Amino acid sequence: MQAAGRIKVGSVAYGVIGRRSAEPVLVQPNMVLAGVADVAADWRVTRVVKGRTR
């Protein structure tokens, strides 16, 4: 599915709860993780933005 027809989802923070709510978005064909906002942009945020969650 093209990005234009997909639901855009953003995550505020990427700790335990943020990660558990953002990871399912990555596997849904009709959703795209549009962005992650966190005060500490460490390796976890970088990996999810690039599409690798683990």
N, C-alpha and C. Protein backbone atom coordinates (compact mmCIF):
# COMPACT_ATOMS: atom_id res chain seq x y z
N MET A 1 0.85 -1.17 0.00
CA MET A 1 0.00 0.00 0.00
C MET A 1 0.89 1.23 0.00
N GLN A 2 0.51 2.23 -0.75
CA GLN A 2 1.29 3.46 -0.82
C GLN A 2 1.14 4.26 0.45
N ALA A 3 2.14 5.08 0.75
CA ALA A 3 2.14 5.88 1.98
C ALA A 3 0.99 6.87 2.02
N ALA A 4 0.51 7.32 0.87
CA ALA A 4 -0.57 8.31 0.84
C ALA A 4 -1.87 7.77 1.42
N GLY A 5 -2.13 6.50 1.28
CA GLY A 5 -3.36 5.92 1.76
C GLY A 5 -3.25 5.30 3.14
N ARG A 6 -2.11 5.46 3.78
CA ARG A 6 -1.87 4.83 5.08
C ARG A 6 -2.16 5.81 6.22
N ILE A 7 -2.53 5.26 7.36
CA ILE A 7 -2.78 6.05 8.56
C ILE A 7 -1.43 6.40 9.18
N LYS A 8 -1.21 7.68 9.45
CA LYS A 8 0.05 8.13 10.03
C LYS A 8 -0.09 8.18 11.55
N VAL A 9 0.85 7.52 12.24
CA VAL A 9 0.82 7.44 13.70
C VAL A 9 2.12 8.03 14.23
N GLY A 10 2.01 8.81 15.30
CA GLY A 10 3.19 9.36 15.97
C GLY A 10 3.25 8.83 17.39
N SER A 11 4.45 8.73 17.92
CA SER A 11 4.63 8.26 19.29
C SER A 11 5.31 9.34 20.11
N VAL A 12 4.75 9.63 21.27
CA VAL A 12 5.38 10.55 22.20
C VAL A 12 6.09 9.70 23.23
N ALA A 13 7.39 9.75 23.20
CA ALA A 13 8.29 8.97 24.04
C ALA A 13 8.46 7.57 23.47
N TYR A 14 9.58 6.97 23.78
CA TYR A 14 9.84 5.62 23.29
C TYR A 14 10.46 4.79 24.40
N GLY A 15 9.81 4.79 25.54
CA GLY A 15 10.20 3.93 26.64
C GLY A 15 9.46 2.61 26.51
N VAL A 16 9.15 2.00 27.62
CA VAL A 16 8.48 0.70 27.59
C VAL A 16 7.09 0.82 26.96
N ILE A 17 6.29 1.76 27.40
CA ILE A 17 4.93 1.90 26.87
C ILE A 17 4.94 2.42 25.44
N GLY A 18 5.77 3.40 25.15
CA GLY A 18 5.86 3.93 23.79
C GLY A 18 6.29 2.88 22.79
N ARG A 19 7.24 2.04 23.18
CA ARG A 19 7.71 0.99 22.29
C ARG A 19 6.62 -0.04 22.04
N ARG A 20 5.89 -0.40 23.08
CA ARG A 20 4.82 -1.39 22.91
C ARG A 20 3.65 -0.87 22.10
N SER A 21 3.49 0.43 22.03
CA SER A 21 2.41 0.96 21.19
C SER A 21 2.90 1.28 19.78
N ALA A 22 4.20 1.50 19.59
CA ALA A 22 4.73 1.82 18.26
C ALA A 22 5.06 0.58 17.44
N GLU A 23 5.53 -0.47 18.06
CA GLU A 23 5.93 -1.67 17.32
C GLU A 23 4.79 -2.30 16.52
N PRO A 24 3.57 -2.41 17.05
CA PRO A 24 2.48 -2.98 16.24
C PRO A 24 2.16 -2.14 14.99
N VAL A 25 2.40 -0.86 15.08
CA VAL A 25 2.15 0.01 13.92
C VAL A 25 3.06 -0.39 12.76
N LEU A 26 4.28 -0.78 13.07
CA LEU A 26 5.24 -1.13 12.02
C LEU A 26 4.84 -2.37 11.22
N VAL A 27 4.05 -3.25 11.80
CA VAL A 27 3.65 -4.47 11.08
C VAL A 27 2.29 -4.36 10.40
N GLN A 28 1.58 -3.27 10.64
CA GLN A 28 0.28 -3.09 10.01
C GLN A 28 0.45 -2.55 8.59
N PRO A 29 -0.16 -3.17 7.61
CA PRO A 29 0.02 -2.70 6.23
C PRO A 29 -0.66 -1.37 5.94
N ASN A 30 -1.63 -0.98 6.75
CA ASN A 30 -2.34 0.27 6.48
C ASN A 30 -1.91 1.41 7.40
N MET A 31 -0.78 1.24 8.14
CA MET A 31 -0.29 2.27 9.05
C MET A 31 1.20 2.51 8.81
N VAL A 32 1.63 3.73 9.13
CA VAL A 32 3.04 4.08 9.05
C VAL A 32 3.39 4.89 10.30
N LEU A 33 4.56 4.60 10.88
CA LEU A 33 5.03 5.36 12.02
C LEU A 33 5.63 6.65 11.49
N ALA A 34 4.91 7.75 11.66
CA ALA A 34 5.32 9.03 11.07
C ALA A 34 6.43 9.70 11.85
N GLY A 35 6.49 9.47 13.16
CA GLY A 35 7.55 10.10 13.94
C GLY A 35 7.54 9.66 15.38
N VAL A 36 8.68 9.91 16.03
CA VAL A 36 8.83 9.59 17.45
C VAL A 36 9.41 10.83 18.12
N ALA A 37 8.74 11.30 19.17
CA ALA A 37 9.23 12.45 19.93
C ALA A 37 9.68 11.96 21.30
N ASP A 38 10.94 12.19 21.61
CA ASP A 38 11.47 11.76 22.90
C ASP A 38 12.56 12.74 23.32
N VAL A 39 12.71 12.95 24.61
CA VAL A 39 13.73 13.87 25.09
C VAL A 39 15.13 13.29 24.97
N ALA A 40 15.24 11.98 24.96
CA ALA A 40 16.54 11.32 24.83
C ALA A 40 16.53 10.46 23.58
N ALA A 41 17.06 10.99 22.50
CA ALA A 41 17.10 10.25 21.24
C ALA A 41 18.31 9.31 21.26
N ASP A 42 18.15 8.15 21.85
CA ASP A 42 19.24 7.19 21.91
C ASP A 42 19.09 6.15 20.81
N TRP A 43 19.81 5.05 20.92
CA TRP A 43 19.83 4.04 19.87
C TRP A 43 18.47 3.40 19.64
N ARG A 44 17.59 3.35 20.66
CA ARG A 44 16.27 2.72 20.48
C ARG A 44 15.42 3.51 19.49
N VAL A 45 15.41 4.82 19.62
CA VAL A 45 14.62 5.66 18.72
C VAL A 45 15.18 5.58 17.31
N THR A 46 16.49 5.59 17.17
CA THR A 46 17.12 5.50 15.86
C THR A 46 16.74 4.20 15.16
N ARG A 47 16.71 3.09 15.91
CA ARG A 47 16.36 1.79 15.31
C ARG A 47 14.92 1.74 14.84
N VAL A 48 13.98 2.28 15.63
CA VAL A 48 12.57 2.20 15.22
C VAL A 48 12.29 3.10 14.03
N VAL A 49 12.97 4.23 13.95
CA VAL A 49 12.77 5.11 12.81
C VAL A 49 13.28 4.44 11.53
N LYS A 50 14.32 3.65 11.64
CA LYS A 50 14.85 2.93 10.48
C LYS A 50 14.11 1.63 10.21
N GLY A 51 13.13 1.29 11.05
CA GLY A 51 12.31 0.11 10.81
C GLY A 51 12.80 -1.17 11.45
N ARG A 52 13.79 -1.08 12.32
CA ARG A 52 14.29 -2.27 13.02
C ARG A 52 13.94 -2.08 14.49
N THR A 53 13.11 -2.97 15.02
CA THR A 53 12.63 -2.78 16.39
C THR A 53 13.39 -3.59 17.42
N ARG A 54 14.10 -4.57 17.03
CA ARG A 54 14.81 -5.40 18.04
C ARG A 54 16.25 -5.57 17.68
